[in-house]
């Protein structure tokens, strides 16, 4: 049912926020979309650069981000990124749009020593390995969807409601399984951690050596 649909990207924002440095600092968001997460990042960071290659997404974001967010219409694969500039780089559902061996070294170079790269993105389903988590996700999606819908109806906030700009968001199928993401990421970011999340996402976490 449409009423029970909910935003998995919104659900995983808290996971990424937990890995931001406590001191705030400068943060880069890769694939900012309509600016929903950039607005939350702005409460924790001194300054946020939010980059997206879609003019429609940047236009949507202009009306919702606060003054300490700079929106950048550009492709992160070609846009010059300042070396050692960011205390954290975060991304939600964007990394599967681009080749990891190309984008990850660029993001690593833009981090300051000790900075954190944290990203959530879509994996390609790896059956039969992923069958248990796929079954659990299907059940959990419906259960949480009903709970979140009830909370929204009762006026208790947004509770991961669908982003109004989601129909304009560029869509790409994931080409890599979680295991393949881990293999490619490890080749360029020694010490990186990659794990499958329940609701059709993987989580990538890396801290640049000091």
N, C-alpha and C. Protein backbone atom coordinates (compact mmCIF):
# COMPACT_ATOMS: atom_id res chain seq x y z
N UNK A 1 0.84 -1.20 0.00
CA UNK A 1 0.00 0.00 0.00
C UNK A 1 0.87 1.25 0.00
N UNK A 2 0.45 2.25 -0.77
CA UNK A 2 1.21 3.49 -0.89
C UNK A 2 1.37 4.17 0.46
N UNK A 3 0.33 4.11 1.29
CA UNK A 3 0.38 4.79 2.59
C UNK A 3 1.45 4.22 3.50
N UNK A 4 1.87 2.98 3.26
CA UNK A 4 2.85 2.34 4.12
C UNK A 4 4.27 2.48 3.59
N UNK A 5 4.44 3.14 2.44
CA UNK A 5 5.78 3.37 1.91
C UNK A 5 6.51 4.40 2.76
N UNK A 6 7.83 4.24 2.89
CA UNK A 6 8.60 5.20 3.68
C UNK A 6 10.00 5.31 3.09
N UNK A 7 10.72 6.35 3.50
CA UNK A 7 11.99 6.73 2.88
C UNK A 7 13.16 6.06 3.59
N UNK A 8 13.77 5.09 2.93
CA UNK A 8 14.93 4.40 3.52
C UNK A 8 16.13 5.33 3.65
N UNK A 9 16.27 6.27 2.75
CA UNK A 9 17.38 7.23 2.85
C UNK A 9 17.26 8.06 4.13
N UNK A 10 16.06 8.54 4.41
CA UNK A 10 15.83 9.29 5.64
C UNK A 10 16.13 8.44 6.87
N UNK A 11 15.74 7.18 6.81
CA UNK A 11 15.93 6.27 7.94
C UNK A 11 17.40 6.13 8.30
N UNK A 12 18.28 6.14 7.29
CA UNK A 12 19.70 5.92 7.54
C UNK A 12 20.50 7.22 7.76
N UNK A 13 19.82 8.36 7.76
CA UNK A 13 20.53 9.61 8.05
C UNK A 13 21.16 9.60 9.44
N UNK A 14 20.47 9.05 10.41
CA UNK A 14 21.00 9.03 11.78
C UNK A 14 22.28 8.21 11.87
N UNK A 15 22.36 7.16 11.11
CA UNK A 15 23.58 6.34 11.10
C UNK A 15 24.77 7.19 10.66
N UNK A 16 24.61 7.98 9.62
CA UNK A 16 25.70 8.82 9.14
C UNK A 16 26.00 9.94 10.13
N UNK A 17 24.97 10.52 10.72
CA UNK A 17 25.18 11.61 11.68
C UNK A 17 26.01 11.15 12.87
N UNK A 18 25.88 9.90 13.25
CA UNK A 18 26.63 9.38 14.40
C UNK A 18 28.13 9.36 14.14
N UNK A 19 28.53 9.41 12.90
CA UNK A 19 29.96 9.34 12.56
C UNK A 19 30.56 10.69 12.20
N UNK A 20 29.79 11.76 12.38
CA UNK A 20 30.35 13.09 12.19
C UNK A 20 31.23 13.46 13.37
N UNK A 21 32.29 14.23 13.14
CA UNK A 21 33.11 14.69 14.28
C UNK A 21 32.30 15.59 15.19
N UNK A 22 32.50 15.46 16.48
CA UNK A 22 31.75 16.26 17.45
C UNK A 22 32.02 17.74 17.31
N UNK A 23 33.17 18.08 16.80
CA UNK A 23 33.54 19.50 16.68
C UNK A 23 32.87 20.19 15.49
N UNK A 24 32.11 19.44 14.68
CA UNK A 24 31.45 20.04 13.52
C UNK A 24 32.40 20.16 12.36
N UNK A 25 32.93 21.36 12.12
CA UNK A 25 33.89 21.56 11.05
C UNK A 25 33.25 21.63 9.68
N UNK A 26 34.04 21.30 8.67
CA UNK A 26 33.58 21.35 7.28
C UNK A 26 33.17 19.96 6.81
N UNK A 27 32.01 19.88 6.19
CA UNK A 27 31.47 18.60 5.73
C UNK A 27 31.10 18.72 4.25
N UNK A 28 31.38 17.68 3.49
CA UNK A 28 30.96 17.58 2.10
C UNK A 28 29.91 16.48 2.00
N UNK A 29 28.77 16.80 1.37
CA UNK A 29 27.78 15.77 1.05
C UNK A 29 27.81 15.53 -0.45
N UNK A 30 27.99 14.29 -0.82
CA UNK A 30 28.05 13.89 -2.23
C UNK A 30 26.68 13.35 -2.64
N UNK A 31 26.06 14.00 -3.62
CA UNK A 31 24.73 13.62 -4.05
C UNK A 31 23.67 14.12 -3.10
N UNK A 32 23.56 15.45 -2.99
CA UNK A 32 22.71 16.04 -1.94
C UNK A 32 21.23 15.96 -2.26
N UNK A 33 20.86 15.65 -3.51
CA UNK A 33 19.44 15.55 -3.85
C UNK A 33 18.69 16.83 -3.54
N UNK A 34 17.56 16.70 -2.86
CA UNK A 34 16.70 17.85 -2.58
C UNK A 34 17.13 18.64 -1.35
N UNK A 35 18.24 18.27 -0.74
CA UNK A 35 18.78 19.04 0.39
C UNK A 35 18.28 18.63 1.76
N UNK A 36 17.54 17.55 1.85
CA UNK A 36 16.99 17.13 3.14
C UNK A 36 18.09 16.82 4.15
N UNK A 37 19.08 16.01 3.73
CA UNK A 37 20.15 15.65 4.66
C UNK A 37 21.11 16.81 4.87
N UNK A 38 21.36 17.61 3.86
CA UNK A 38 22.22 18.78 4.01
C UNK A 38 21.69 19.71 5.09
N UNK A 39 20.37 19.82 5.18
CA UNK A 39 19.77 20.67 6.21
C UNK A 39 20.04 20.12 7.61
N UNK A 40 20.01 18.80 7.75
CA UNK A 40 20.33 18.20 9.04
C UNK A 40 21.82 18.32 9.35
N UNK A 41 22.64 18.15 8.34
CA UNK A 41 24.08 18.30 8.54
C UNK A 41 24.42 19.71 9.00
N UNK A 42 23.70 20.70 8.51
CA UNK A 42 23.98 22.09 8.84
C UNK A 42 23.82 22.37 10.33
N UNK A 43 23.00 21.57 11.02
CA UNK A 43 22.84 21.74 12.47
C UNK A 43 24.04 21.23 13.24
N UNK A 44 24.86 20.38 12.61
CA UNK A 44 25.99 19.75 13.28
C UNK A 44 27.34 20.28 12.81
N UNK A 45 27.37 20.89 11.63
CA UNK A 45 28.63 21.32 11.03
C UNK A 45 28.70 22.83 10.94
N UNK A 46 29.93 23.33 10.92
CA UNK A 46 30.09 24.76 10.73
C UNK A 46 29.76 25.18 9.32
N UNK A 47 30.14 24.34 8.36
CA UNK A 47 29.88 24.62 6.95
C UNK A 47 29.68 23.31 6.21
N UNK A 48 28.74 23.31 5.26
CA UNK A 48 28.44 22.13 4.45
C UNK A 48 28.53 22.51 2.98
N UNK A 49 29.34 21.78 2.22
CA UNK A 49 29.30 21.83 0.76
C UNK A 49 28.44 20.66 0.30
N UNK A 50 27.38 20.95 -0.44
CA UNK A 50 26.46 19.91 -0.89
C UNK A 50 26.49 19.88 -2.41
N UNK A 51 26.98 18.79 -2.99
CA UNK A 51 27.19 18.70 -4.43
C UNK A 51 26.22 17.70 -5.07
N UNK A 52 25.72 18.06 -6.23
CA UNK A 52 24.86 17.16 -6.99
C UNK A 52 24.97 17.54 -8.46
N UNK A 53 24.89 16.54 -9.33
CA UNK A 53 25.04 16.80 -10.77
C UNK A 53 23.70 17.09 -11.45
N UNK A 54 22.60 17.02 -10.70
CA UNK A 54 21.28 17.24 -11.28
C UNK A 54 20.80 18.67 -11.04
N UNK A 55 20.58 19.46 -12.10
CA UNK A 55 20.03 20.81 -11.91
C UNK A 55 18.69 20.81 -11.18
N UNK A 56 17.86 19.80 -11.45
CA UNK A 56 16.55 19.74 -10.79
C UNK A 56 16.70 19.55 -9.29
N UNK A 57 17.66 18.73 -8.87
CA UNK A 57 17.88 18.51 -7.44
C UNK A 57 18.41 19.77 -6.76
N UNK A 58 19.36 20.43 -7.38
CA UNK A 58 19.91 21.65 -6.80
C UNK A 58 18.83 22.72 -6.68
N UNK A 59 17.97 22.81 -7.68
CA UNK A 59 16.89 23.79 -7.62
C UNK A 59 15.93 23.49 -6.47
N UNK A 60 15.62 22.20 -6.28
CA UNK A 60 14.77 21.81 -5.14
C UNK A 60 15.44 22.15 -3.81
N UNK A 61 16.74 21.94 -3.74
CA UNK A 61 17.46 22.15 -2.48
C UNK A 61 17.56 23.62 -2.10
N UNK A 62 17.56 24.50 -3.08
CA UNK A 62 17.75 25.93 -2.79
C UNK A 62 16.71 26.46 -1.80
N UNK A 63 15.54 25.93 -1.86
CA UNK A 63 14.48 26.45 -1.00
C UNK A 63 14.43 25.86 0.39
N UNK A 64 15.34 24.92 0.70
CA UNK A 64 15.22 24.28 2.01
C UNK A 64 16.50 24.30 2.85
N UNK A 65 17.66 24.61 2.25
CA UNK A 65 18.90 24.55 3.05
C UNK A 65 19.18 25.89 3.71
N UNK A 66 19.79 25.89 4.90
CA UNK A 66 20.13 27.14 5.60
C UNK A 66 21.39 27.79 5.03
N UNK A 67 21.76 28.90 5.61
CA UNK A 67 22.82 29.73 5.07
C UNK A 67 24.21 29.14 5.13
N UNK A 68 24.45 28.17 6.02
CA UNK A 68 25.80 27.59 6.09
C UNK A 68 25.98 26.38 5.17
N UNK A 69 25.06 26.23 4.22
CA UNK A 69 25.17 25.18 3.20
C UNK A 69 25.42 25.84 1.85
N UNK A 70 26.48 25.41 1.17
CA UNK A 70 26.78 25.89 -0.18
C UNK A 70 26.43 24.79 -1.16
N UNK A 71 25.48 25.06 -2.04
CA UNK A 71 25.06 24.10 -3.04
C UNK A 71 25.97 24.21 -4.27
N UNK A 72 26.42 23.06 -4.76
CA UNK A 72 27.34 23.02 -5.89
C UNK A 72 26.73 22.12 -6.98
N UNK A 73 26.43 22.70 -8.14
CA UNK A 73 25.95 21.93 -9.27
C UNK A 73 27.16 21.44 -10.06
N UNK A 74 27.52 20.18 -9.87
CA UNK A 74 28.73 19.65 -10.51
C UNK A 74 28.76 18.13 -10.35
N UNK A 75 29.62 17.52 -11.15
CA UNK A 75 29.89 16.09 -11.06
C UNK A 75 31.11 15.89 -10.17
N UNK A 76 30.96 15.15 -9.10
CA UNK A 76 32.05 14.98 -8.15
C UNK A 76 33.25 14.27 -8.78
N UNK A 77 33.03 13.57 -9.89
CA UNK A 77 34.14 12.88 -10.57
C UNK A 77 35.04 13.84 -11.34
N UNK A 78 34.52 15.02 -11.65
CA UNK A 78 35.31 15.98 -12.43
C UNK A 78 35.50 17.32 -11.73
N UNK A 79 34.69 17.62 -10.75
CA UNK A 79 34.81 18.89 -10.03
C UNK A 79 36.08 18.89 -9.18
N UNK A 80 36.92 19.93 -9.30
CA UNK A 80 38.11 19.99 -8.44
C UNK A 80 37.69 20.11 -6.97
N UNK A 81 38.17 19.18 -6.15
CA UNK A 81 37.89 19.20 -4.72
C UNK A 81 39.13 19.67 -3.98
N UNK A 82 38.98 20.58 -3.03
CA UNK A 82 40.16 21.06 -2.30
C UNK A 82 40.81 19.96 -1.47
N UNK A 83 42.11 19.85 -1.56
CA UNK A 83 42.82 18.79 -0.84
C UNK A 83 42.80 19.04 0.66
N UNK A 84 42.50 17.99 1.42
CA UNK A 84 42.56 18.08 2.87
C UNK A 84 41.61 19.09 3.49
N UNK A 85 40.48 19.33 2.85
CA UNK A 85 39.58 20.41 3.27
C UNK A 85 38.54 19.97 4.29
N UNK A 86 38.08 18.72 4.19
CA UNK A 86 36.86 18.33 4.91
C UNK A 86 37.16 17.45 6.12
N UNK A 87 36.42 17.73 7.19
CA UNK A 87 36.47 16.90 8.39
C UNK A 87 35.66 15.62 8.21
N UNK A 88 34.66 15.68 7.34
CA UNK A 88 33.85 14.50 7.05
C UNK A 88 33.27 14.64 5.64
N UNK A 89 33.13 13.50 4.97
CA UNK A 89 32.44 13.42 3.69
C UNK A 89 31.37 12.35 3.84
N UNK A 90 30.14 12.70 3.50
CA UNK A 90 29.02 11.77 3.66
C UNK A 90 28.24 11.68 2.35
N UNK A 91 27.52 10.58 2.19
CA UNK A 91 26.74 10.39 0.98
C UNK A 91 25.64 9.38 1.24
N UNK A 92 24.46 9.66 0.69
CA UNK A 92 23.33 8.74 0.79
C UNK A 92 22.84 8.40 -0.61
N UNK A 93 22.92 7.13 -0.96
CA UNK A 93 22.38 6.61 -2.21
C UNK A 93 22.91 7.35 -3.43
N UNK A 94 24.23 7.53 -3.47
CA UNK A 94 24.86 8.17 -4.63
C UNK A 94 26.04 7.37 -5.16
N UNK A 95 26.78 6.68 -4.30
CA UNK A 95 28.01 6.02 -4.73
C UNK A 95 27.77 4.95 -5.78
N UNK A 96 26.60 4.32 -5.79
CA UNK A 96 26.35 3.29 -6.80
C UNK A 96 26.12 3.88 -8.18
N UNK A 97 26.06 5.20 -8.29
CA UNK A 97 25.94 5.87 -9.59
C UNK A 97 27.30 6.04 -10.27
N UNK A 98 28.40 5.74 -9.57
CA UNK A 98 29.73 6.06 -10.11
C UNK A 98 30.73 4.95 -9.80
N UNK A 99 31.80 4.84 -10.60
CA UNK A 99 32.80 3.79 -10.35
C UNK A 99 33.60 4.07 -9.08
N UNK A 100 33.60 3.14 -8.16
CA UNK A 100 34.28 3.32 -6.88
C UNK A 100 35.79 3.55 -7.04
N UNK A 101 36.50 2.84 -7.93
CA UNK A 101 37.94 3.09 -8.05
C UNK A 101 38.26 4.51 -8.49
N UNK A 102 37.31 5.21 -9.09
CA UNK A 102 37.53 6.59 -9.51
C UNK A 102 37.14 7.59 -8.42
N UNK A 103 35.99 7.36 -7.80
CA UNK A 103 35.48 8.37 -6.87
C UNK A 103 36.12 8.29 -5.49
N UNK A 104 36.40 7.09 -4.99
CA UNK A 104 36.90 6.97 -3.62
C UNK A 104 38.26 7.65 -3.42
N UNK A 105 39.23 7.51 -4.33
CA UNK A 105 40.49 8.24 -4.13
C UNK A 105 40.31 9.75 -4.13
N UNK A 106 39.37 10.26 -4.94
CA UNK A 106 39.11 11.70 -4.96
C UNK A 106 38.57 12.18 -3.62
N UNK A 107 37.65 11.40 -3.05
CA UNK A 107 37.08 11.78 -1.76
C UNK A 107 38.13 11.66 -0.65
N UNK A 108 38.95 10.62 -0.72
CA UNK A 108 39.99 10.45 0.29
C UNK A 108 40.96 11.63 0.29
N UNK A 109 41.32 12.11 -0.89
CA UNK A 109 42.25 13.23 -0.99
C UNK A 109 41.65 14.51 -0.43
N UNK A 110 40.32 14.62 -0.48
CA UNK A 110 39.66 15.84 0.00
C UNK A 110 39.48 15.86 1.51
N UNK A 111 39.69 14.72 2.17
CA UNK A 111 39.59 14.65 3.63
C UNK A 111 40.87 15.14 4.29
N UNK A 112 40.71 15.78 5.42
CA UNK A 112 41.87 16.12 6.24
C UNK A 112 42.36 14.84 6.92
N UNK A 113 43.62 14.78 7.38
CA UNK A 113 44.07 13.63 8.17
C UNK A 113 43.16 13.42 9.39
N UNK A 114 42.71 12.21 9.57
CA UNK A 114 41.78 11.90 10.65
C UNK A 114 40.33 12.09 10.28
N UNK A 115 40.07 12.63 9.08
CA UNK A 115 38.70 12.84 8.64
C UNK A 115 37.99 11.52 8.31
N UNK A 116 36.66 11.58 8.24
CA UNK A 116 35.83 10.37 8.10
C UNK A 116 35.03 10.42 6.80
N UNK A 117 35.05 9.31 6.08
CA UNK A 117 34.17 9.10 4.94
C UNK A 117 33.11 8.09 5.35
N UNK A 118 31.84 8.48 5.26
CA UNK A 118 30.74 7.60 5.64
C UNK A 118 29.67 7.68 4.56
N UNK A 119 29.27 6.53 4.02
CA UNK A 119 28.32 6.53 2.92
C UNK A 119 27.37 5.35 3.03
N UNK A 120 26.16 5.59 2.58
CA UNK A 120 25.14 4.57 2.45
C UNK A 120 24.74 4.53 0.98
N UNK A 121 24.72 3.34 0.37
CA UNK A 121 24.37 3.24 -1.04
C UNK A 121 23.71 1.89 -1.32
N UNK A 122 23.24 1.72 -2.53
CA UNK A 122 22.53 0.50 -2.91
C UNK A 122 23.49 -0.58 -3.38
N UNK A 123 23.33 -1.80 -2.88
CA UNK A 123 24.08 -2.94 -3.42
C UNK A 123 23.21 -3.73 -4.40
N UNK A 124 23.85 -4.49 -5.26
CA UNK A 124 23.12 -5.47 -6.07
C UNK A 124 22.86 -6.69 -5.20
N UNK A 125 21.66 -7.20 -5.27
CA UNK A 125 21.31 -8.36 -4.45
C UNK A 125 22.17 -9.56 -4.83
N UNK A 126 22.69 -10.21 -3.81
CA UNK A 126 23.62 -11.33 -3.98
C UNK A 126 22.94 -12.60 -3.46
N UNK A 127 22.19 -13.26 -4.34
CA UNK A 127 21.49 -14.48 -3.95
C UNK A 127 22.35 -15.70 -4.28
N UNK A 128 22.32 -16.74 -3.41
CA UNK A 128 21.44 -16.89 -2.25
C UNK A 128 22.00 -16.29 -0.96
N UNK A 129 23.18 -15.68 -1.01
CA UNK A 129 23.80 -15.17 0.21
C UNK A 129 22.90 -14.16 0.92
N UNK A 130 22.23 -13.31 0.16
CA UNK A 130 21.43 -12.24 0.76
C UNK A 130 19.99 -12.65 1.06
N UNK A 131 19.64 -13.91 0.82
CA UNK A 131 18.24 -14.30 0.99
C UNK A 131 17.70 -14.04 2.40
N UNK A 132 18.43 -14.40 3.48
CA UNK A 132 17.88 -14.13 4.81
C UNK A 132 17.62 -12.64 5.07
N UNK A 133 18.57 -11.78 4.67
CA UNK A 133 18.37 -10.36 4.91
C UNK A 133 17.28 -9.79 4.02
N UNK A 134 17.13 -10.33 2.81
CA UNK A 134 16.05 -9.88 1.93
C UNK A 134 14.68 -10.22 2.52
N UNK A 135 14.55 -11.41 3.06
CA UNK A 135 13.28 -11.80 3.68
C UNK A 135 12.99 -10.94 4.91
N UNK A 136 14.02 -10.70 5.72
CA UNK A 136 13.83 -9.87 6.92
C UNK A 136 13.48 -8.44 6.53
N UNK A 137 14.10 -7.94 5.47
CA UNK A 137 13.82 -6.58 5.02
C UNK A 137 12.39 -6.43 4.56
N UNK A 138 11.89 -7.43 3.83
CA UNK A 138 10.52 -7.36 3.35
C UNK A 138 9.51 -7.29 4.50
N UNK A 139 9.74 -8.10 5.53
CA UNK A 139 8.85 -8.07 6.68
C UNK A 139 9.01 -6.78 7.49
N UNK A 140 10.27 -6.39 7.71
CA UNK A 140 10.52 -5.18 8.49
C UNK A 140 10.01 -3.93 7.81
N UNK A 141 10.10 -3.90 6.48
CA UNK A 141 9.61 -2.74 5.73
C UNK A 141 8.13 -2.53 5.98
N UNK A 142 7.36 -3.58 5.95
CA UNK A 142 5.92 -3.46 6.15
C UNK A 142 5.58 -3.10 7.60
N UNK A 143 6.28 -3.73 8.53
CA UNK A 143 6.01 -3.45 9.95
C UNK A 143 6.33 -1.99 10.29
N UNK A 144 7.53 -1.53 9.91
CA UNK A 144 7.90 -0.16 10.21
C UNK A 144 7.07 0.82 9.41
N UNK A 145 6.71 0.45 8.18
CA UNK A 145 5.85 1.33 7.39
C UNK A 145 4.54 1.62 8.08
N UNK A 146 3.93 0.59 8.68
CA UNK A 146 2.68 0.79 9.41
C UNK A 146 2.90 1.66 10.64
N UNK A 147 4.00 1.42 11.36
CA UNK A 147 4.29 2.21 12.56
C UNK A 147 4.55 3.67 12.21
N UNK A 148 5.36 3.91 11.18
CA UNK A 148 5.68 5.29 10.79
C UNK A 148 4.44 6.01 10.28
N UNK A 149 3.58 5.31 9.53
CA UNK A 149 2.36 5.93 9.02
C UNK A 149 1.44 6.35 10.17
N UNK A 150 1.35 5.48 11.19
CA UNK A 150 0.51 5.81 12.35
C UNK A 150 1.04 7.04 13.08
N UNK A 151 2.36 7.13 13.23
CA UNK A 151 2.95 8.28 13.90
C UNK A 151 2.73 9.56 13.10
N UNK A 152 2.88 9.48 11.78
CA UNK A 152 2.64 10.67 10.95
C UNK A 152 1.18 11.10 11.04
N UNK A 153 0.27 10.15 11.00
CA UNK A 153 -1.16 10.45 11.07
C UNK A 153 -1.52 11.10 12.40
N UNK A 154 -0.83 10.67 13.45
CA UNK A 154 -1.10 11.23 14.79
C UNK A 154 -0.42 12.58 15.00
N UNK A 155 0.30 13.06 13.99
CA UNK A 155 0.91 14.39 14.09
C UNK A 155 2.21 14.41 14.85
N UNK A 156 2.94 13.28 14.89
CA UNK A 156 4.19 13.20 15.65
C UNK A 156 5.43 13.39 14.76
N UNK A 157 5.29 14.17 13.71
CA UNK A 157 6.45 14.47 12.88
C UNK A 157 6.42 13.75 11.55
N UNK A 158 7.52 13.89 10.82
CA UNK A 158 7.61 13.34 9.46
C UNK A 158 7.77 11.83 9.45
N UNK A 159 8.55 11.29 10.34
CA UNK A 159 8.78 9.85 10.49
C UNK A 159 9.01 9.16 9.15
N UNK A 160 10.05 9.66 8.45
CA UNK A 160 10.55 9.02 7.23
C UNK A 160 9.50 8.97 6.11
N UNK A 161 8.69 10.02 6.05
CA UNK A 161 7.77 10.14 4.92
C UNK A 161 8.53 10.32 3.63
N UNK A 162 7.93 9.97 2.51
CA UNK A 162 8.59 10.05 1.22
C UNK A 162 8.92 11.50 0.87
N UNK A 163 10.13 11.72 0.37
CA UNK A 163 10.56 13.05 -0.03
C UNK A 163 9.68 13.53 -1.18
N UNK A 164 9.12 14.76 -1.10
CA UNK A 164 8.25 15.25 -2.17
C UNK A 164 8.96 15.38 -3.52
N UNK A 165 10.28 15.46 -3.51
CA UNK A 165 11.02 15.59 -4.77
C UNK A 165 11.55 14.28 -5.31
N UNK A 166 11.11 13.15 -4.75
CA UNK A 166 11.69 11.85 -5.11
C UNK A 166 11.45 11.49 -6.58
N UNK A 167 10.35 11.97 -7.16
CA UNK A 167 10.06 11.62 -8.55
C UNK A 167 11.07 12.23 -9.51
N UNK A 168 11.75 13.30 -9.09
CA UNK A 168 12.74 13.96 -9.94
C UNK A 168 14.15 13.39 -9.75
N UNK A 169 14.33 12.55 -8.75
CA UNK A 169 15.67 12.07 -8.43
C UNK A 169 16.17 11.10 -9.49
N UNK A 170 17.41 11.27 -9.96
CA UNK A 170 17.99 10.32 -10.91
C UNK A 170 18.07 8.92 -10.28
N UNK A 171 17.82 7.91 -11.09
CA UNK A 171 17.80 6.53 -10.61
C UNK A 171 18.85 5.72 -11.37
N UNK A 172 19.58 4.88 -10.65
CA UNK A 172 20.54 3.99 -11.28
C UNK A 172 20.51 2.65 -10.55
N UNK A 173 20.56 1.57 -11.31
CA UNK A 173 20.61 0.24 -10.70
C UNK A 173 22.01 -0.03 -10.15
N UNK A 174 22.06 -0.69 -9.02
CA UNK A 174 23.35 -1.06 -8.43
C UNK A 174 23.99 -2.17 -9.26
N UNK A 175 25.26 -2.03 -9.55
CA UNK A 175 25.97 -3.04 -10.35
C UNK A 175 26.86 -3.94 -9.50
N UNK A 176 27.11 -3.57 -8.24
CA UNK A 176 28.02 -4.32 -7.38
C UNK A 176 27.29 -4.90 -6.18
N UNK A 177 27.62 -6.13 -5.82
CA UNK A 177 27.14 -6.69 -4.56
C UNK A 177 27.93 -6.05 -3.41
N UNK A 178 27.46 -6.26 -2.20
CA UNK A 178 28.19 -5.73 -1.04
C UNK A 178 29.60 -6.29 -0.98
N UNK A 179 29.76 -7.56 -1.30
CA UNK A 179 31.10 -8.17 -1.30
C UNK A 179 32.00 -7.52 -2.35
N UNK A 180 31.46 -7.20 -3.50
CA UNK A 180 32.25 -6.55 -4.55
C UNK A 180 32.59 -5.11 -4.17
N UNK A 181 31.66 -4.42 -3.52
CA UNK A 181 31.95 -3.08 -3.01
C UNK A 181 33.11 -3.14 -2.02
N UNK A 182 33.06 -4.10 -1.11
CA UNK A 182 34.12 -4.25 -0.11
C UNK A 182 35.47 -4.52 -0.78
N UNK A 183 35.46 -5.35 -1.79
CA UNK A 183 36.70 -5.68 -2.50
C UNK A 183 37.28 -4.45 -3.20
N UNK A 184 36.45 -3.71 -3.90
CA UNK A 184 36.93 -2.54 -4.64
C UNK A 184 37.35 -1.42 -3.68
N UNK A 185 36.58 -1.23 -2.62
CA UNK A 185 36.91 -0.16 -1.67
C UNK A 185 38.20 -0.46 -0.92
N UNK A 186 38.40 -1.71 -0.53
CA UNK A 186 39.61 -2.09 0.19
C UNK A 186 40.86 -1.87 -0.65
N UNK A 187 40.74 -2.01 -1.96
CA UNK A 187 41.89 -1.84 -2.85
C UNK A 187 42.42 -0.42 -2.85
N UNK A 188 41.54 0.57 -2.57
CA UNK A 188 41.97 1.97 -2.62
C UNK A 188 41.93 2.65 -1.25
N UNK A 189 41.21 2.04 -0.29
CA UNK A 189 41.10 2.61 1.06
C UNK A 189 41.42 1.53 2.08
N UNK A 190 42.67 1.26 2.33
CA UNK A 190 43.01 0.22 3.31
C UNK A 190 42.39 0.51 4.67
N UNK A 191 41.78 -0.52 5.24
CA UNK A 191 41.13 -0.35 6.53
C UNK A 191 39.67 0.03 6.45
N UNK A 192 39.13 0.19 5.25
CA UNK A 192 37.72 0.55 5.10
C UNK A 192 36.83 -0.58 5.61
N UNK A 193 35.68 -0.22 6.13
CA UNK A 193 34.70 -1.20 6.58
C UNK A 193 33.45 -1.07 5.72
N UNK A 194 32.96 -2.20 5.22
CA UNK A 194 31.75 -2.22 4.40
C UNK A 194 30.86 -3.34 4.91
N UNK A 195 29.59 -3.02 5.19
CA UNK A 195 28.67 -4.06 5.65
C UNK A 195 27.29 -3.81 5.05
N UNK A 196 26.55 -4.88 4.88
CA UNK A 196 25.20 -4.82 4.36
C UNK A 196 24.27 -4.33 5.46
N UNK A 197 23.39 -3.41 5.13
CA UNK A 197 22.34 -2.95 6.02
C UNK A 197 21.04 -3.68 5.69
N UNK A 198 20.09 -3.60 6.58
CA UNK A 198 18.87 -4.38 6.41
C UNK A 198 18.05 -3.92 5.20
N UNK A 199 17.80 -2.62 5.12
CA UNK A 199 16.84 -2.13 4.14
C UNK A 199 17.51 -1.71 2.84
N UNK A 200 18.03 -2.69 2.10
CA UNK A 200 18.50 -2.53 0.73
C UNK A 200 19.57 -1.44 0.57
N UNK A 201 20.49 -1.42 1.49
CA UNK A 201 21.61 -0.48 1.44
C UNK A 201 22.86 -1.18 1.99
N UNK A 202 24.03 -0.64 1.64
CA UNK A 202 25.26 -1.02 2.34
C UNK A 202 25.83 0.23 3.00
N UNK A 203 26.69 0.01 3.98
CA UNK A 203 27.31 1.10 4.73
C UNK A 203 28.82 1.01 4.56
N UNK A 204 29.44 2.11 4.14
CA UNK A 204 30.88 2.20 3.96
C UNK A 204 31.43 3.24 4.94
N UNK A 205 32.47 2.86 5.68
CA UNK A 205 33.05 3.75 6.68
C UNK A 205 34.58 3.67 6.60
N UNK A 206 35.22 4.81 6.54
CA UNK A 206 36.69 4.86 6.49
C UNK A 206 37.18 6.12 7.17
N UNK A 207 38.23 5.99 7.95
CA UNK A 207 38.89 7.15 8.57
C UNK A 207 40.27 7.31 7.97
N UNK A 208 40.55 8.50 7.50
CA UNK A 208 41.85 8.77 6.89
C UNK A 208 42.92 8.75 7.96
N UNK A 209 44.03 8.08 7.73
CA UNK A 209 45.10 8.06 8.73
C UNK A 209 45.57 9.47 9.09
N UNK A 210 45.86 9.67 10.36
CA UNK A 210 46.33 10.99 10.82
C UNK A 210 47.79 11.20 10.44
